[in-house]
Amino acid sequence: MAATMTIPLKAAAGIAVAASLVLFVPAGTGAQEAGSRLAIVGATIIDGNGGPPLADGTLLIEGDRIGAVGPSGSVAVPEGVLVIEGKGKYVTPGFVDSNVHLSLYGSGPAARYLSLHETIVRYAPRNAALTLEAAQMQLKHGFTTVRDSYGSLLPLMQVRDAINRGDTVGPRMLVAGNIVGWGGPYSVSFSLTRQEGLTLFQEQFNDFITQGSGEEWMEMEPEDLRVAVNRYLDLGPDFIKYGGTGHFSTPVMIGFSPEAQRVLVEETHKRGLIAETHSTSVEGLWLSVRAGLDLIQHPEALTDEMPAALVAEIAERGIVCAIISNTIAGPAWQRHLDARAKAGGEASDEADTSRRAGLKKTSAELRAERRARGEPLEIRRRNAEELIAGGCVTTIGTDNYLGTAPEFRREQKPENQSFGIGSVIATEGLVELGMTPMEAIVAVTRNGAIASGMLDELGTLEAGKYADVLVLGADPLDDIGNIRALEVVIRDGRVVDLDALPYERIFSTPGKGHAW
């Protein structure tokens, strides 16, 4: 029988959320003692720095840190150390996904997203348990660090802290909570939802998500904003993500003035934390770049082609670009190509004879036609290719999300944004967008550590860094798809029991890869 651990969970005022977080920890897990020593001997080591791999290398782990790494003949393995035979295996740093959404958070206009609203109402008391399940699915696929850039801050911090204490197993979690300046899932800034006619639950859930960092921030003078952002940082998020524009590309709304954006970045940097943006227009992104931020989430997701000057500015400043490659490459891109081919064939069969003669198409109709042709997706893909070709510091940011509960779905959720496997698909997609396999490995290791503000601590296999290590059964430099040949995950020096993950299945189901 599974043991249980209870952690108090502070509920937001006025909303029914979990009174406690119950994490299920199967008996027999975590058998490897903290402080133990481990060695991987004779493997090909890909250290994450981008240089040639080290054939016949040895990596020694002491406690939660890497003790030594080098040619097998130069690294002594002390007696009594647990040894993993690495001959024919490939060792990389643990992977990082820089943009996931592990918790319940989202909805929109009821006509389109009623099933999401039903999910939030039913599962709000299980928000933390769902967050842990999602996090463990990321770890199961080799993602030892994840950055959650939007969601329910309180449950996210509770799960983060439980993992950090060693009360349960999961990836290292860095969490932002709300995208500050947005008003929660039932708001104009997030979902184009007007405030009239909301239920009490919806209004309270908005407050639960924003924790005082909602649309009122966009009305503030800079000095008042300084106070507000520090009050939010005092709650305990690991970084700040702000709405440089609204959520959607149409209409695009500038979220904060240039001075307000500088305030957001400055106050975040004073705490030694990463500041990032969501900006979906070229002008909106220019404002955010000039504010001095560190990272752009999905910079390719613009309403138009990204100017070469903007690409060059991002590269020169060393701003990290977290690309949603899982939505513009791989299965998602193939679905687009298939749909485009089908639509083209249908259009050629017969002309539209139902439209009134001489009636000019409206701007709304023209936009709808562009969407139907998939032009926004094609713009995103071209922008991503330009960012990569332009030498920008690029990593993945999948937007993997919980979404609708399985019982409310008519169709199975696509794998490309499901936890774990969506991040694998995104890594593979980087190669399709122009990277070499080695560059893709660097993107999800070293660059992911830069995105996390933790390059001194993780992201490459070097003595003194955290021992987040993957062992693969096939060469990812020969075929990036071989990152699926995952055999061993080591997190903070401990071998993870992958078969035990997730400890409790709520939305996920067993199967090859991932079924959600």
Protein backbone atom coordinates (compact mmCIF):
# COMPACT_ATOMS: atom_id res chain seq x y z
CA MET A 1 0.00 0.00 0.00
CA ALA A 2 1.27 3.49 -0.82
CA ALA A 3 2.48 5.58 2.08
CA THR A 4 1.12 9.10 2.26
CA MET A 5 2.62 12.40 3.27
CA THR A 6 0.58 15.46 4.12
CA ILE A 7 1.79 19.01 3.54
CA PRO A 8 -0.33 22.01 4.50
CA LEU A 9 -1.54 24.01 1.55
CA LYS A 10 -2.56 27.63 2.07
CA ALA A 11 -5.88 28.22 0.32
CA ALA A 12 -6.61 31.47 -1.46
CA ALA A 13 -9.29 33.47 0.25
CA GLY A 14 -12.80 32.58 -0.80
CA ILE A 15 -12.04 29.68 -3.16
CA ALA A 16 -12.42 26.00 -2.47
CA VAL A 17 -9.00 24.46 -3.04
CA ALA A 18 -7.18 21.59 -1.41
CA ALA A 19 -6.86 21.93 2.33
CA SER A 20 -3.82 19.66 2.19
CA LEU A 21 -1.43 18.20 -0.34
CA VAL A 22 -1.30 14.42 -0.20
CA LEU A 23 1.61 12.88 -2.06
CA PHE A 24 1.63 9.16 -2.62
CA VAL A 25 5.07 7.61 -2.17
CA PRO A 26 5.19 3.90 -3.08
CA ALA A 27 6.96 1.64 -0.64
CA GLY A 28 10.51 0.80 -1.71
CA THR A 29 11.20 3.97 -3.67
CA GLY A 30 14.19 6.15 -2.91
CA ALA A 31 16.22 3.15 -1.73
CA GLN A 32 19.53 4.78 -2.74
CA GLU A 33 20.79 6.66 0.28
CA ALA A 34 21.63 10.34 0.13
CA GLY A 35 25.40 10.83 0.14
CA SER A 36 26.08 7.54 -1.63
CA ARG A 37 28.70 7.22 -4.37
CA LEU A 38 28.10 6.11 -7.91
CA ALA A 39 30.21 5.73 -11.05
CA ILE A 40 29.36 5.30 -14.72
CA VAL A 41 32.33 3.61 -16.34
CA GLY A 42 33.33 3.21 -20.00
CA ALA A 43 30.55 5.31 -21.55
CA THR A 44 30.63 7.90 -24.32
CA ILE A 45 30.20 11.17 -22.46
CA ILE A 46 28.46 14.13 -24.12
CA ASP A 47 29.10 16.84 -21.55
CA GLY A 48 26.66 19.52 -22.80
CA ASN A 49 29.31 22.07 -23.78
CA GLY A 50 29.14 21.19 -27.47
CA GLY A 51 32.63 19.81 -27.92
CA PRO A 52 33.54 16.34 -29.25
CA PRO A 53 32.17 13.49 -27.13
CA LEU A 54 34.52 11.63 -24.81
CA ALA A 55 34.76 7.96 -25.74
CA ASP A 56 35.43 5.53 -22.89
CA GLY A 57 34.80 8.06 -20.18
CA THR A 58 34.03 7.70 -16.50
CA LEU A 59 31.79 9.91 -14.42
CA LEU A 60 32.03 9.72 -10.64
CA ILE A 61 29.17 10.94 -8.47
CA GLU A 62 29.66 11.80 -4.79
CA GLY A 63 26.46 12.60 -2.96
CA ASP A 64 24.38 14.99 -5.06
CA ARG A 65 27.38 16.33 -7.02
CA ILE A 66 29.66 15.22 -9.82
CA GLY A 67 32.98 14.31 -8.24
CA ALA A 68 35.00 13.80 -11.40
CA VAL A 69 34.58 13.24 -15.11
CA GLY A 70 37.20 12.28 -17.67
CA PRO A 71 38.86 9.43 -19.58
CA SER A 72 38.40 6.13 -17.78
CA GLY A 73 42.13 5.79 -17.29
CA SER A 74 42.34 9.10 -15.44
CA VAL A 75 39.36 8.83 -13.09
CA ALA A 76 39.89 6.51 -10.15
CA VAL A 77 36.83 4.63 -8.95
CA PRO A 78 37.12 3.99 -5.19
CA GLU A 79 36.14 0.65 -3.69
CA GLY A 80 32.57 0.29 -2.56
CA VAL A 81 31.19 2.62 -5.22
CA LEU A 82 28.06 1.49 -7.06
CA VAL A 83 29.18 1.04 -10.69
CA ILE A 84 27.02 1.32 -13.81
CA GLU A 85 28.64 -0.37 -16.79
CA GLY A 86 28.66 2.27 -19.52
CA LYS A 87 30.21 0.41 -22.44
CA GLY A 88 28.04 1.05 -25.51
CA LYS A 89 26.06 3.68 -23.60
CA TYR A 90 25.86 7.47 -24.00
CA VAL A 91 25.82 9.87 -21.06
CA THR A 92 24.41 13.41 -21.15
CA PRO A 93 23.40 16.01 -18.58
CA GLY A 94 19.79 15.93 -17.47
CA PHE A 95 17.50 17.83 -19.82
CA VAL A 96 15.69 21.12 -19.11
CA ASP A 97 12.29 22.26 -20.39
CA SER A 98 12.07 26.01 -19.97
CA ASN A 99 8.31 26.44 -20.27
CA VAL A 100 5.80 23.94 -18.90
CA HIS A 101 2.42 24.36 -17.20
CA LEU A 102 2.15 21.62 -14.60
CA SER A 103 -0.86 22.86 -12.63
CA LEU A 104 -4.52 23.61 -13.25
CA TYR A 105 -4.82 27.15 -14.48
CA GLY A 106 -6.61 27.77 -17.75
CA SER A 107 -9.98 28.29 -19.27
CA GLY A 108 -11.65 30.73 -21.60
CA PRO A 109 -15.01 31.71 -23.05
CA ALA A 110 -17.48 29.03 -22.04
CA ALA A 111 -18.68 28.44 -25.57
CA ARG A 112 -15.24 27.19 -26.60
CA TYR A 113 -13.69 25.96 -23.38
CA LEU A 114 -16.51 24.61 -21.26
CA SER A 115 -14.70 21.29 -20.76
CA LEU A 116 -11.71 23.14 -19.30
CA HIS A 117 -13.98 25.00 -16.91
CA GLU A 118 -15.57 21.68 -15.89
CA THR A 119 -12.08 20.30 -15.29
CA ILE A 120 -11.07 23.18 -13.04
CA VAL A 121 -14.25 22.96 -10.99
CA ARG A 122 -13.95 19.21 -10.51
CA TYR A 123 -10.19 19.00 -9.93
CA ALA A 124 -9.37 22.20 -8.02
CA PRO A 125 -9.06 20.19 -4.77
CA ARG A 126 -6.50 17.92 -6.53
CA ASN A 127 -4.43 20.69 -8.11
CA ALA A 128 -1.24 19.83 -6.21
CA ALA A 129 -1.52 16.10 -6.88
CA LEU A 130 -2.00 16.78 -10.59
CA THR A 131 1.03 19.07 -10.50
CA LEU A 132 3.18 16.30 -9.04
CA GLU A 133 1.92 13.78 -11.59
CA ALA A 134 2.82 16.13 -14.44
CA ALA A 135 6.24 16.89 -12.96
CA GLN A 136 7.02 13.20 -12.55
CA MET A 137 6.08 12.54 -16.18
CA GLN A 138 8.69 15.13 -17.17
CA LEU A 139 11.30 13.37 -15.03
CA LYS A 140 10.31 9.99 -16.46
CA HIS A 141 11.43 11.25 -19.89
CA GLY A 142 14.77 12.63 -18.72
CA PHE A 143 13.83 16.22 -17.88
CA THR A 144 15.49 16.70 -14.52
CA THR A 145 14.73 20.44 -14.38
CA VAL A 146 11.55 22.21 -15.47
CA ARG A 147 10.55 25.87 -15.44
CA ASP A 148 6.83 26.40 -14.92
CA SER A 149 6.12 29.81 -16.41
CA TYR A 150 2.39 30.11 -15.69
CA GLY A 151 0.04 28.40 -13.31
CA SER A 152 -1.24 28.07 -9.76
CA LEU A 153 1.59 29.51 -7.67
CA LEU A 154 0.62 28.05 -4.28
CA PRO A 155 0.31 24.38 -5.33
CA LEU A 156 3.38 24.75 -7.56
CA MET A 157 5.48 26.00 -4.66
CA GLN A 158 4.18 23.27 -2.37
CA VAL A 159 5.20 20.54 -4.82
CA ARG A 160 8.50 22.29 -5.57
CA ASP A 161 9.33 22.48 -1.89
CA ALA A 162 8.28 18.88 -1.20
CA ILE A 163 10.65 17.69 -3.94
CA ASN A 164 13.45 19.91 -2.65
CA ARG A 165 13.05 18.51 0.87
CA GLY A 166 13.24 14.96 -0.46
CA ASP A 167 9.68 14.17 0.64
CA THR A 168 8.89 12.93 -2.86
CA VAL A 169 10.63 12.45 -6.20
CA GLY A 170 10.44 14.86 -9.10
CA PRO A 171 12.43 17.19 -11.30
CA ARG A 172 13.93 20.40 -10.00
CA MET A 173 11.08 22.90 -10.34
CA LEU A 174 11.39 26.63 -10.89
CA VAL A 175 8.00 28.35 -10.83
CA ALA A 176 6.63 31.78 -11.74
CA GLY A 177 2.93 31.54 -10.91
CA ASN A 178 0.96 34.18 -12.76
CA ILE A 179 2.13 35.95 -15.90
CA VAL A 180 2.08 39.26 -14.10
CA GLY A 181 -0.14 41.91 -15.58
CA TRP A 182 -2.64 39.31 -16.77
CA GLY A 183 -5.90 38.85 -14.95
CA GLY A 184 -6.17 35.08 -14.62
CA PRO A 185 -7.83 32.52 -16.91
CA TYR A 186 -11.21 34.30 -17.02
CA SER A 187 -9.93 37.70 -18.14
CA VAL A 188 -9.53 39.79 -21.28
CA SER A 189 -5.73 39.67 -21.10
CA PHE A 190 -5.60 35.86 -20.89
CA SER A 191 -8.64 34.56 -22.78
CA LEU A 192 -10.52 37.59 -24.15
CA THR A 193 -13.16 36.94 -21.48
CA ARG A 194 -15.05 40.02 -20.32
CA GLN A 195 -15.62 40.39 -16.60
CA GLU A 196 -19.40 40.72 -16.84
CA GLY A 197 -21.37 37.61 -15.97
CA LEU A 198 -18.59 35.60 -14.34
CA THR A 199 -19.55 33.23 -11.58
CA LEU A 200 -18.20 33.68 -8.07
CA PHE A 201 -15.99 30.62 -8.61
CA GLN A 202 -14.48 32.12 -11.77
CA GLU A 203 -13.76 35.44 -10.07
CA GLN A 204 -12.19 33.66 -7.11
CA PHE A 205 -10.13 31.40 -9.35
CA ASN A 206 -8.77 34.47 -11.16
CA ASP A 207 -7.64 35.83 -7.79
CA PHE A 208 -6.17 32.45 -6.86
CA ILE A 209 -4.01 32.49 -9.99
CA THR A 210 -2.97 36.15 -9.89
CA GLN A 211 -2.22 36.45 -6.16
CA GLY A 212 -2.46 40.23 -6.48
CA SER A 213 -0.51 40.50 -9.77
CA GLY A 214 -3.38 40.90 -12.23
CA GLU A 215 -4.47 43.49 -14.77
CA GLU A 216 -4.39 46.23 -12.14
CA TRP A 217 -0.59 46.23 -12.57
CA MET A 218 -0.98 47.70 -16.06
CA GLU A 219 -2.69 50.74 -14.49
CA MET A 220 0.13 51.46 -12.03
CA GLU A 221 2.70 54.22 -12.05
CA PRO A 222 6.26 52.85 -12.10
CA GLU A 223 6.98 53.48 -8.41
CA ASP A 224 3.76 51.75 -7.37
CA LEU A 225 4.70 48.89 -9.67
CA ARG A 226 8.03 48.53 -7.86
CA VAL A 227 6.17 47.95 -4.62
CA ALA A 228 3.74 45.50 -6.24
CA VAL A 229 6.39 43.34 -7.91
CA ASN A 230 8.36 43.05 -4.67
CA ARG A 231 5.22 42.08 -2.79
CA TYR A 232 4.65 39.32 -5.36
CA LEU A 233 8.28 38.17 -5.22
CA ASP A 234 7.94 37.90 -1.44
CA LEU A 235 5.44 35.07 -2.00
CA GLY A 236 8.28 32.88 -3.27
CA PRO A 237 8.30 32.49 -7.09
CA ASP A 238 11.65 31.63 -8.66
CA PHE A 239 11.39 34.06 -11.57
CA ILE A 240 9.06 36.64 -13.09
CA LYS A 241 7.23 36.36 -16.39
CA TYR A 242 5.29 39.41 -17.47
CA GLY A 243 2.79 40.08 -20.21
CA GLY A 244 4.58 42.30 -22.69
CA THR A 245 1.38 41.98 -24.72
CA GLY A 246 -1.90 40.19 -24.20
CA HIS A 247 -2.04 36.41 -24.52
CA PHE A 248 -3.31 36.17 -28.08
CA SER A 249 -1.93 37.46 -31.35
CA THR A 250 -5.26 38.98 -32.42
CA PRO A 251 -5.83 41.51 -31.10
CA VAL A 252 -2.33 42.40 -29.89
CA MET A 253 -2.34 44.71 -26.90
CA ILE A 254 0.81 46.25 -25.44
CA GLY A 255 0.84 45.30 -21.77
CA PHE A 256 3.33 47.65 -20.14
CA SER A 257 5.04 50.88 -21.12
CA PRO A 258 8.82 50.79 -21.71
CA GLU A 259 9.45 52.37 -18.31
CA ALA A 260 7.13 49.89 -16.56
CA GLN A 261 8.91 46.97 -18.24
CA ARG A 262 12.27 48.29 -17.05
CA VAL A 263 10.88 48.44 -13.51
CA LEU A 264 9.73 44.82 -13.71
CA VAL A 265 13.13 43.70 -14.96
CA GLU A 266 15.13 45.82 -12.52
CA GLU A 267 13.26 44.67 -9.42
CA THR A 268 13.53 41.04 -10.49
CA HIS A 269 17.27 41.38 -11.15
CA LYS A 270 17.79 42.94 -7.72
CA ARG A 271 16.78 39.56 -6.30
CA GLY A 272 19.14 37.70 -8.63
CA LEU A 273 16.23 36.19 -10.55
CA ILE A 274 15.39 35.74 -14.23
CA ALA A 275 12.94 38.14 -15.91
CA GLU A 276 11.11 36.99 -19.04
CA THR A 277 8.22 38.03 -21.26
CA HIS A 278 5.34 36.84 -23.38
CA SER A 279 5.14 39.27 -26.32
CA THR A 280 3.35 38.31 -29.52
CA SER A 281 3.94 41.27 -31.85
CA VAL A 282 7.15 42.62 -33.32
CA GLU A 283 6.69 46.01 -31.64
CA GLY A 284 5.75 44.42 -28.32
CA LEU A 285 8.84 42.21 -28.47
CA TRP A 286 11.12 45.14 -29.30
CA LEU A 287 9.92 46.91 -26.14
CA SER A 288 10.62 43.85 -24.01
CA VAL A 289 14.07 43.26 -25.51
CA ARG A 290 15.07 46.86 -24.83
CA ALA A 291 13.87 46.56 -21.22
CA GLY A 292 16.89 44.33 -20.54
CA LEU A 293 15.12 41.03 -19.88
CA ASP A 294 16.83 37.61 -19.84
CA LEU A 295 14.48 35.28 -21.71
CA ILE A 296 11.68 35.35 -24.27
CA GLN A 297 9.05 32.65 -24.22
CA HIS A 298 8.09 31.53 -27.74
CA PRO A 299 9.73 34.52 -29.48
CA GLU A 300 8.83 32.95 -32.81
CA ALA A 301 5.10 33.25 -32.05
CA LEU A 302 4.61 36.66 -33.62
CA THR A 303 1.94 38.09 -35.90
CA ASP A 304 4.53 38.73 -38.62
CA GLU A 305 8.00 37.81 -39.81
CA MET A 306 10.70 38.73 -37.30
CA PRO A 307 12.95 41.50 -38.69
CA ALA A 308 16.61 40.59 -39.11
CA ALA A 309 17.55 43.54 -36.89
CA LEU A 310 15.49 42.12 -34.03
CA VAL A 311 17.09 38.68 -34.42
CA ALA A 312 20.53 40.32 -34.34
CA GLU A 313 19.63 42.37 -31.24
CA ILE A 314 18.41 39.27 -29.38
CA ALA A 315 21.59 37.39 -30.31
CA GLU A 316 23.87 40.29 -29.34
CA ARG A 317 22.22 40.66 -25.94
CA GLY A 318 22.42 36.91 -25.29
CA ILE A 319 18.70 36.71 -24.52
CA VAL A 320 17.51 33.13 -24.25
CA CYS A 321 14.87 32.07 -26.78
CA ALA A 322 12.58 29.29 -25.52
CA ILE A 323 10.98 27.95 -28.70
CA ILE A 324 7.83 25.83 -28.86
CA SER A 325 9.44 23.55 -31.42
CA ASN A 326 6.99 20.78 -30.56
CA THR A 327 4.18 22.81 -32.20
CA ILE A 328 6.02 23.83 -35.39
CA ALA A 329 7.98 20.67 -36.19
CA GLY A 330 7.52 16.92 -35.98
CA PRO A 331 3.96 15.55 -35.82
CA ALA A 332 2.37 19.01 -35.53
CA TRP A 333 4.08 20.25 -38.69
CA GLN A 334 3.16 17.07 -40.56
CA ARG A 335 -0.49 17.55 -39.56
CA HIS A 336 -0.30 21.07 -40.97
CA LEU A 337 1.20 19.86 -44.25
CA ASP A 338 -1.47 17.16 -44.56
CA ALA A 339 -4.26 19.65 -43.84
CA ARG A 340 -2.85 22.16 -46.31
CA ALA A 341 -2.64 19.53 -49.03
CA LYS A 342 -6.19 18.39 -48.34
CA ALA A 343 -7.55 21.94 -48.33
CA GLY A 344 -5.79 22.69 -51.60
CA GLY A 345 -7.32 19.64 -53.23
CA GLU A 346 -10.81 20.47 -52.04
CA ALA A 347 -10.52 24.07 -53.23
CA SER A 348 -9.64 22.97 -56.72
CA ASP A 349 -12.63 20.64 -57.03
CA GLU A 350 -15.27 23.33 -57.21
CA ALA A 351 -15.50 27.08 -56.80
CA ASP A 352 -17.63 28.75 -54.12
CA THR A 353 -20.85 29.71 -55.90
CA SER A 354 -22.84 30.64 -52.79
CA ARG A 355 -21.28 34.06 -52.18
CA ARG A 356 -23.16 37.15 -53.39
CA ALA A 357 -21.59 38.56 -56.53
CA GLY A 358 -19.33 41.56 -55.98
CA LEU A 359 -19.29 41.25 -52.18
CA LYS A 360 -15.86 42.24 -50.90
CA LYS A 361 -14.34 40.04 -48.24
CA THR A 362 -14.09 41.61 -44.82
CA SER A 363 -10.82 41.84 -42.89
CA ALA A 364 -12.19 39.24 -40.47
CA GLU A 365 -12.84 36.83 -43.35
CA LEU A 366 -9.35 37.38 -44.75
CA ARG A 367 -7.80 36.69 -41.33
CA ALA A 368 -9.89 33.53 -41.02
CA GLU A 369 -8.68 32.37 -44.41
CA ARG A 370 -5.07 32.94 -43.40
CA ARG A 371 -5.62 30.94 -40.23
CA ALA A 372 -7.29 28.15 -42.21
CA ARG A 373 -4.27 28.00 -44.53
CA GLY A 374 -2.01 27.74 -41.50
CA GLU A 375 -0.12 30.94 -42.27
CA PRO A 376 0.43 31.85 -38.57
CA LEU A 377 2.07 28.45 -38.02
CA GLU A 378 4.29 28.95 -41.05
CA ILE A 379 5.36 32.38 -39.79
CA ARG A 380 6.26 30.83 -36.44
CA ARG A 381 8.35 28.15 -38.09
CA ARG A 382 10.24 30.62 -40.29
CA ASN A 383 10.90 32.87 -37.27
CA ALA A 384 12.26 29.92 -35.28
CA GLU A 385 14.55 28.96 -38.15
CA GLU A 386 15.83 32.54 -38.33
CA LEU A 387 16.52 32.68 -34.58
CA ILE A 388 18.50 29.45 -34.76
CA ALA A 389 20.38 30.48 -37.91
CA GLY A 390 21.07 33.88 -36.31
CA GLY A 391 23.01 32.32 -33.45
CA CYS A 392 20.54 33.11 -30.66
CA VAL A 393 20.82 31.19 -27.39
CA THR A 394 17.99 28.76 -28.00
CA THR A 395 16.30 26.15 -25.87
CA ILE A 396 12.88 24.50 -25.73
CA GLY A 397 9.77 25.83 -24.02
CA THR A 398 7.02 23.36 -24.82
CA ASP A 399 3.96 24.84 -23.13
CA ASN A 400 3.16 21.25 -22.06
CA TYR A 401 -0.11 21.62 -20.17
CA LEU A 402 -2.73 19.65 -18.23
CA GLY A 403 -5.74 20.81 -20.22
CA THR A 404 -9.05 18.99 -20.12
CA ALA A 405 -9.56 15.94 -17.90
CA PRO A 406 -9.66 12.66 -19.86
CA GLU A 407 -13.33 12.03 -19.05
CA PHE A 408 -14.31 15.36 -20.63
CA ARG A 409 -12.41 14.78 -23.88
CA ARG A 410 -13.86 13.50 -27.12
CA GLU A 411 -10.38 12.85 -28.52
CA GLN A 412 -7.08 11.91 -26.95
CA LYS A 413 -4.73 14.77 -26.24
CA PRO A 414 -1.91 15.03 -28.83
CA GLU A 415 1.44 13.76 -27.61
CA ASN A 416 3.36 16.84 -28.72
CA GLN A 417 2.13 18.87 -25.73
CA SER A 418 1.78 16.04 -23.23
CA PHE A 419 4.16 15.98 -20.29
CA GLY A 420 7.52 14.37 -20.94
CA ILE A 421 7.00 13.10 -24.46
CA GLY A 422 6.11 16.61 -25.65
CA SER A 423 9.52 17.78 -24.45
CA VAL A 424 11.21 14.89 -26.28
CA ILE A 425 9.37 15.83 -29.48
CA ALA A 426 10.43 19.47 -29.00
CA THR A 427 14.08 18.45 -28.69
CA GLU A 428 13.84 16.38 -31.86
CA GLY A 429 12.13 19.33 -33.55
CA LEU A 430 15.17 21.56 -32.99
CA VAL A 431 17.08 19.42 -35.49
CA GLU A 432 14.25 19.73 -38.00
CA LEU A 433 14.48 23.51 -37.57
CA GLY A 434 18.18 23.66 -38.38
CA MET A 435 20.27 22.47 -35.44
CA THR A 436 22.70 19.58 -35.45
CA PRO A 437 21.99 16.83 -32.91
CA MET A 438 24.87 18.14 -30.77
CA GLU A 439 23.40 21.65 -30.85
CA ALA A 440 20.02 20.25 -29.81
CA ILE A 441 21.63 18.48 -26.85
CA VAL A 442 23.34 21.72 -25.82
CA ALA A 443 20.01 23.55 -26.22
CA VAL A 444 18.23 21.34 -23.66
CA THR A 445 21.19 21.08 -21.26
CA ARG A 446 23.60 24.02 -21.14
CA ASN A 447 21.15 26.54 -22.63
CA GLY A 448 18.39 25.25 -20.37
CA ALA A 449 20.66 25.90 -17.40
CA ILE A 450 21.27 29.46 -18.64
CA ALA A 451 17.49 29.90 -18.90
CA SER A 452 17.23 28.73 -15.30
CA GLY A 453 19.97 31.09 -14.08
CA MET A 454 21.82 27.99 -12.87
CA LEU A 455 24.69 27.36 -15.30
CA ASP A 456 27.12 27.36 -12.37
CA GLU A 457 25.16 24.47 -10.84
CA LEU A 458 23.85 22.29 -13.68
CA GLY A 459 23.49 21.85 -17.43
CA THR A 460 26.92 20.38 -18.15
CA LEU A 461 28.84 17.37 -16.82
CA GLU A 462 31.58 19.03 -14.79
CA ALA A 463 33.03 18.37 -11.35
CA GLY A 464 31.16 20.24 -8.64
CA LYS A 465 27.85 20.54 -10.48
CA TYR A 466 24.64 18.77 -9.50
CA ALA A 467 24.63 15.15 -10.60
CA ASP A 468 21.69 15.29 -13.00
CA VAL A 469 22.68 12.64 -15.53
CA LEU A 470 21.05 10.56 -18.26
CA VAL A 471 22.24 7.24 -19.67
CA LEU A 472 21.06 6.46 -23.20
CA GLY A 473 21.21 3.13 -24.97
CA ALA A 474 21.86 4.63 -28.42
CA ASP A 475 23.83 7.55 -29.84
CA PRO A 476 21.82 10.81 -29.92
CA LEU A 477 24.48 12.42 -32.11
CA ASP A 478 23.83 9.86 -34.79
CA ASP A 479 20.05 10.37 -34.53
CA ILE A 480 18.48 12.84 -32.12
CA GLY A 481 15.53 10.43 -31.87
CA ASN A 482 17.81 8.23 -29.76
CA ILE A 483 17.08 10.44 -26.75
CA ARG A 484 14.06 8.12 -26.52
CA ALA A 485 16.45 5.25 -25.73
CA LEU A 486 16.53 6.40 -22.11
CA GLU A 487 17.80 3.74 -19.70
CA VAL A 488 18.85 5.55 -16.52
CA VAL A 489 17.90 8.91 -15.00
CA ILE A 490 19.99 10.23 -12.13
CA ARG A 491 18.67 13.26 -10.28
CA ASP A 492 20.87 14.90 -7.65
CA GLY A 493 23.04 11.76 -7.56
CA ARG A 494 20.19 9.31 -7.05
CA VAL A 495 19.01 6.77 -9.60
CA VAL A 496 15.31 7.33 -10.30
CA ASP A 497 12.94 4.37 -10.40
CA LEU A 498 11.37 5.24 -13.75
CA ASP A 499 8.89 2.37 -13.62
CA ALA A 500 7.37 3.83 -10.44
CA LEU A 501 6.62 7.20 -12.06
CA PRO A 502 4.19 8.78 -11.75
CA TYR A 503 3.40 7.66 -8.22
CA GLU A 504 -0.30 8.39 -8.73
CA ARG A 505 -2.02 8.42 -12.11
CA ILE A 506 -4.87 10.91 -12.34
CA PHE A 507 -4.85 12.20 -15.93
CA SER A 508 -2.11 10.01 -17.40
CA THR A 509 -2.41 6.38 -18.48
CA PRO A 510 0.28 3.72 -18.92
CA GLY A 511 1.58 3.01 -22.37
CA LYS A 512 4.49 3.37 -24.72
CA GLY A 513 5.82 6.91 -24.52
CA HIS A 514 2.90 8.72 -23.02
CA ALA A 515 -0.86 8.64 -23.20
CA TRP A 516 -2.84 11.49 -21.67
